[in-house]
Amino acid sequence: MKNYILTSLLSFLFITVSGQAELKPQFDKAKSYLQAENFKNAEKEFTSVLEKATDARLKKMAFIYRGFANNGLEKFTAAIADFDNAVALDPEDLATYIDRGQSKIYANDFPAAIKDFEFVLSKDSVNKMGQNALYWLARVAHHEKEFALSISYYDRLIQLDQADPELYFNRGAAKDMMMNSQGSIKDYDKAIELKPDYREAYANRGVARINLLTTKGTILPSKDQTKDACADLQRAKQLGDNAVDDMIYIHCRK
């Protein structure tokens, strides 16, 4: 679950901060460092901005952006502190709770992350922030091996957004962990329908199809039985997934 540039970063970088116009050139310079993933210089420049800032909105955005930079530097405790400060300046901004929750995930403090996401969900259960909270709760539950709970979060998410292939893929992966190959195959079907070049979905569907055969008692499936599974594995290979090589060797070279 290591993805230190937070998902909301790009949208945040287009926000224009009003107030203290004299600090705008330095603030924009810091943002450009962040966009270029030059986290060290971004952190330094946002710190300098914060030393001079008195405008509340400017300070809030500088704390948020410095939090992103600290995540990039893997300074997660510092990032969480930055988001704490941003929340103190604007407790109504649910996006900051999502960002802080993600930093807590990176710091391996899953209970604290869950609290942030559940707080967001208590305020918004259907719109963008609520969907973000459901997504991260599902990811945390999967990480913690609470697969049924993860599936329940994805069920709710898919009711709100039926066009995101990742949601079906992730739910399928959780079903795989519960040995529900039939259910996972249906989710991978949908993920591939929505994203025809989804190599991970082809790979997982191929493996799920083999697992479905073996769990039904077919220890050594025939070439005809594994035809669809092998087509998936070969497609995943064509799309650049070399992790399927062993499965292809075992099941598709008869």
Protein backbone atom coordinates (compact mmCIF):
# COMPACT_ATOMS: atom_id res chain seq x y z
CA MET A 1 0.00 0.00 0.00
CA LYS A 2 2.96 2.30 -0.57
CA ASN A 3 1.94 5.12 -2.86
CA TYR A 4 3.40 8.16 -1.22
CA ILE A 5 2.10 10.75 -3.68
CA LEU A 6 -1.44 11.01 -2.50
CA THR A 7 -4.29 10.54 -4.95
CA SER A 8 -5.60 14.07 -4.49
CA LEU A 9 -2.24 15.71 -5.15
CA LEU A 10 -2.74 16.63 -8.79
CA SER A 11 -6.09 18.27 -8.20
CA PHE A 12 -4.72 20.20 -5.25
CA LEU A 13 -1.85 21.57 -7.29
CA PHE A 14 -4.24 23.56 -9.45
CA ILE A 15 -5.75 25.37 -6.49
CA THR A 16 -4.89 29.07 -6.40
CA VAL A 17 -4.36 30.49 -2.95
CA SER A 18 -5.43 34.08 -2.41
CA GLY A 19 -3.99 36.34 0.25
CA GLN A 20 -0.42 37.47 0.92
CA ALA A 21 0.33 38.05 -2.75
CA GLU A 22 3.99 38.65 -1.93
CA LEU A 23 4.35 34.95 -1.08
CA LYS A 24 2.71 33.67 -4.28
CA PRO A 25 5.98 33.35 -6.29
CA GLN A 26 7.57 31.27 -3.54
CA PHE A 27 4.40 29.22 -3.06
CA ASP A 28 4.24 28.52 -6.81
CA LYS A 29 7.93 27.59 -6.83
CA ALA A 30 7.30 25.12 -4.01
CA LYS A 31 4.36 23.64 -5.94
CA SER A 32 6.53 23.20 -9.02
CA TYR A 33 9.05 21.26 -6.94
CA LEU A 34 6.25 19.06 -5.66
CA GLN A 35 4.93 18.41 -9.16
CA ALA A 36 8.43 17.42 -10.23
CA GLU A 37 8.65 15.08 -7.21
CA ASN A 38 11.58 17.08 -5.87
CA PHE A 39 10.30 16.53 -2.36
CA LYS A 40 13.32 17.82 -0.48
CA ASN A 41 13.19 21.26 -2.08
CA ALA A 42 9.39 21.32 -1.93
CA GLU A 43 9.47 20.67 1.81
CA LYS A 44 12.09 23.38 2.27
CA GLU A 45 10.15 25.99 0.29
CA PHE A 46 6.80 25.25 1.95
CA THR A 47 8.51 25.51 5.34
CA SER A 48 9.81 28.92 4.34
CA VAL A 49 6.33 29.98 3.22
CA LEU A 50 4.87 28.83 6.55
CA GLU A 51 7.43 30.86 8.47
CA LYS A 52 6.08 34.00 6.81
CA ALA A 53 2.41 33.20 6.28
CA THR A 54 -0.35 34.81 8.29
CA ASP A 55 -3.28 34.20 5.92
CA ALA A 56 -5.22 31.15 7.15
CA ARG A 57 -5.99 29.67 3.73
CA LEU A 58 -2.42 30.09 2.57
CA LYS A 59 -1.16 28.39 5.73
CA LYS A 60 -3.64 25.53 5.32
CA MET A 61 -2.58 24.82 1.75
CA ALA A 62 1.11 25.09 2.62
CA PHE A 63 0.64 22.56 5.42
CA ILE A 64 -1.21 20.21 3.05
CA TYR A 65 1.40 20.49 0.32
CA ARG A 66 4.24 20.09 2.80
CA GLY A 67 2.45 16.99 4.05
CA PHE A 68 2.56 15.60 0.50
CA ALA A 69 6.27 16.43 0.30
CA ASN A 70 6.93 14.73 3.64
CA ASN A 71 5.12 11.64 2.40
CA GLY A 72 7.40 11.66 -0.62
CA LEU A 73 10.37 11.83 1.76
CA GLU A 74 8.82 8.97 3.80
CA LYS A 75 8.64 11.30 6.81
CA PHE A 76 5.18 10.13 7.70
CA THR A 77 5.04 11.43 11.27
CA ALA A 78 5.87 14.90 9.96
CA ALA A 79 3.26 14.54 7.23
CA ILE A 80 0.59 13.60 9.77
CA ALA A 81 1.54 16.64 11.86
CA ASP A 82 1.14 18.84 8.79
CA PHE A 83 -2.33 17.46 8.11
CA ASP A 84 -3.17 17.91 11.81
CA ASN A 85 -2.36 21.59 11.41
CA ALA A 86 -4.42 21.85 8.24
CA VAL A 87 -7.39 20.23 10.00
CA ALA A 88 -7.05 22.67 12.88
CA LEU A 89 -7.25 25.56 10.42
CA ASP A 90 -10.24 24.11 8.53
CA PRO A 91 -12.02 21.27 10.35
CA GLU A 92 -14.77 21.14 7.72
CA ASP A 93 -12.48 20.13 4.83
CA LEU A 94 -13.04 16.38 4.58
CA ALA A 95 -10.31 15.97 1.96
CA THR A 96 -7.65 16.70 4.59
CA TYR A 97 -8.91 13.83 6.75
CA ILE A 98 -8.56 11.52 3.74
CA ASP A 99 -5.00 12.75 3.17
CA ARG A 100 -4.13 12.33 6.85
CA GLY A 101 -5.65 8.85 6.87
CA GLN A 102 -3.48 7.86 3.93
CA SER A 103 -0.37 9.11 5.72
CA LYS A 104 -1.38 7.04 8.75
CA ILE A 105 -1.59 4.00 6.47
CA TYR A 106 1.95 4.67 5.26
CA ALA A 107 3.01 4.95 8.90
CA ASN A 108 1.35 1.55 9.55
CA ASP A 109 -1.07 3.09 12.03
CA PHE A 110 -4.15 1.42 10.61
CA PRO A 111 -6.51 2.00 13.57
CA ALA A 112 -5.86 5.74 13.41
CA ALA A 113 -6.33 5.75 9.64
CA ILE A 114 -9.65 3.96 10.02
CA LYS A 115 -10.84 6.65 12.45
CA ASP A 116 -10.15 9.37 9.87
CA PHE A 117 -11.95 7.51 7.10
CA GLU A 118 -14.90 6.63 9.33
CA PHE A 119 -15.18 10.28 10.37
CA VAL A 120 -15.40 11.29 6.73
CA LEU A 121 -17.98 8.58 6.12
CA SER A 122 -20.07 9.91 9.01
CA LYS A 123 -20.22 13.27 7.20
CA ASP A 124 -20.52 12.05 3.61
CA SER A 125 -21.52 8.54 2.59
CA VAL A 126 -22.30 9.07 -1.10
CA ASN A 127 -20.28 11.92 -2.63
CA LYS A 128 -16.63 12.14 -3.63
CA MET A 129 -15.14 12.25 -0.14
CA GLY A 130 -17.41 9.48 1.09
CA GLN A 131 -16.37 7.34 -1.85
CA ASN A 132 -12.72 8.02 -1.06
CA ALA A 133 -13.31 6.97 2.53
CA LEU A 134 -15.03 3.74 1.45
CA TYR A 135 -12.17 2.98 -0.94
CA TRP A 136 -9.50 3.35 1.71
CA LEU A 137 -11.51 1.45 4.30
CA ALA A 138 -11.78 -1.38 1.78
CA ARG A 139 -8.03 -1.27 1.14
CA VAL A 140 -7.22 -1.30 4.85
CA ALA A 141 -9.63 -4.18 5.51
CA HIS A 142 -7.98 -6.21 2.73
CA HIS A 143 -4.53 -5.45 4.13
CA GLU A 144 -5.69 -6.59 7.56
CA LYS A 145 -7.07 -9.81 6.01
CA GLU A 146 -10.67 -8.85 6.80
CA PHE A 147 -11.76 -9.86 3.33
CA ALA A 148 -15.51 -10.06 3.97
CA LEU A 149 -15.42 -6.52 5.36
CA SER A 150 -13.38 -5.35 2.39
CA ILE A 151 -15.94 -6.84 0.01
CA SER A 152 -18.76 -5.09 1.86
CA TYR A 153 -17.05 -1.73 1.38
CA TYR A 154 -16.53 -2.43 -2.32
CA ASP A 155 -20.19 -3.46 -2.61
CA ARG A 156 -21.18 -0.03 -1.31
CA LEU A 157 -18.69 1.71 -3.56
CA ILE A 158 -19.83 -0.08 -6.67
CA GLN A 159 -23.40 0.93 -5.96
CA LEU A 160 -22.17 4.53 -6.13
CA ASP A 161 -19.73 4.13 -9.02
CA GLN A 162 -20.38 1.29 -11.44
CA ALA A 163 -17.85 2.44 -14.05
CA ASP A 164 -14.54 2.07 -12.20
CA PRO A 165 -12.75 -1.17 -13.22
CA GLU A 166 -10.40 -1.04 -10.22
CA LEU A 167 -13.30 -1.49 -7.82
CA TYR A 168 -14.37 -4.74 -9.49
CA PHE A 169 -10.77 -5.91 -9.68
CA ASN A 170 -10.14 -5.22 -5.99
CA ARG A 171 -13.38 -6.89 -4.95
CA GLY A 172 -12.49 -9.88 -7.10
CA ALA A 173 -9.10 -10.12 -5.40
CA ALA A 174 -10.80 -10.13 -1.99
CA LYS A 175 -13.16 -12.88 -3.17
CA ASP A 176 -10.13 -14.88 -4.32
CA MET A 177 -8.78 -14.71 -0.77
CA MET A 178 -12.07 -16.19 0.44
CA MET A 179 -11.79 -19.02 -2.13
CA ASN A 180 -14.79 -17.66 -4.01
CA SER A 181 -13.41 -18.20 -7.51
CA GLN A 182 -16.79 -17.98 -9.22
CA GLY A 183 -17.49 -14.63 -7.63
CA SER A 184 -14.03 -13.30 -8.42
CA ILE A 185 -14.29 -14.37 -12.07
CA LYS A 186 -17.49 -12.34 -12.43
CA ASP A 187 -15.74 -9.29 -11.02
CA TYR A 188 -12.74 -9.74 -13.31
CA ASP A 189 -15.17 -10.12 -16.24
CA LYS A 190 -16.62 -6.71 -15.41
CA ALA A 191 -13.20 -5.13 -14.86
CA ILE A 192 -12.08 -6.32 -18.29
CA GLU A 193 -15.34 -5.18 -19.89
CA LEU A 194 -14.65 -1.69 -18.56
CA LYS A 195 -10.90 -1.80 -19.27
CA PRO A 196 -10.06 -4.24 -22.09
CA ASP A 197 -6.29 -3.97 -21.55
CA TYR A 198 -6.43 -4.64 -17.79
CA ARG A 199 -3.56 -7.11 -17.62
CA GLU A 200 -3.83 -7.77 -13.89
CA ALA A 201 -7.49 -8.70 -14.33
CA TYR A 202 -6.62 -11.16 -17.12
CA ALA A 203 -3.90 -12.70 -14.95
CA ASN A 204 -6.14 -13.01 -11.90
CA ARG A 205 -9.05 -14.35 -13.92
CA GLY A 206 -6.80 -16.97 -15.47
CA VAL A 207 -5.58 -18.09 -12.05
CA ALA A 208 -9.14 -18.03 -10.67
CA ARG A 209 -10.33 -20.25 -13.51
CA ILE A 210 -7.58 -22.76 -12.75
CA ASN A 211 -8.40 -22.59 -9.03
CA LEU A 212 -12.05 -23.20 -9.81
CA LEU A 213 -11.12 -26.41 -11.60
CA THR A 214 -8.75 -27.68 -8.93
CA THR A 215 -11.06 -26.89 -6.00
CA LYS A 216 -13.76 -28.94 -7.71
CA GLY A 217 -11.47 -31.94 -7.57
CA THR A 218 -9.73 -31.75 -10.94
CA ILE A 219 -6.15 -32.10 -9.77
CA LEU A 220 -4.66 -32.12 -13.27
CA PRO A 221 -7.01 -30.21 -15.59
CA SER A 222 -6.86 -31.15 -19.25
CA LYS A 223 -5.78 -28.77 -22.00
CA ASP A 224 -9.38 -28.38 -23.07
CA GLN A 225 -10.45 -27.55 -19.51
CA THR A 226 -7.77 -24.89 -19.11
CA LYS A 227 -8.35 -23.33 -22.54
CA ASP A 228 -10.07 -20.18 -21.22
CA ALA A 229 -7.68 -19.84 -18.31
CA CYS A 230 -4.66 -20.15 -20.59
CA ALA A 231 -6.12 -17.57 -22.98
CA ASP A 232 -6.31 -15.16 -20.05
CA LEU A 233 -2.77 -15.94 -18.89
CA GLN A 234 -1.40 -15.55 -22.40
CA ARG A 235 -3.24 -12.24 -22.79
CA ALA A 236 -1.78 -11.01 -19.51
CA LYS A 237 1.66 -12.03 -20.78
CA GLN A 238 1.10 -10.15 -24.04
CA LEU A 239 0.19 -7.06 -22.03
CA GLY A 240 3.49 -7.27 -20.14
CA ASP A 241 2.78 -9.37 -17.06
CA ASN A 242 5.74 -11.72 -16.68
CA ALA A 243 4.50 -12.99 -13.31
CA VAL A 244 2.22 -15.42 -15.15
CA ASP A 245 5.12 -17.34 -16.71
CA ASP A 246 5.06 -20.15 -14.14
CA MET A 247 1.30 -20.65 -14.49
CA ILE A 248 1.65 -20.76 -18.26
CA TYR A 249 4.46 -23.30 -17.99
CA ILE A 250 2.51 -25.55 -15.62
CA HIS A 251 -0.93 -25.39 -17.19
CA CYS A 252 -0.60 -24.23 -20.79
CA ARG A 253 2.29 -26.16 -22.32
CA LYS A 254 0.79 -29.63 -22.45
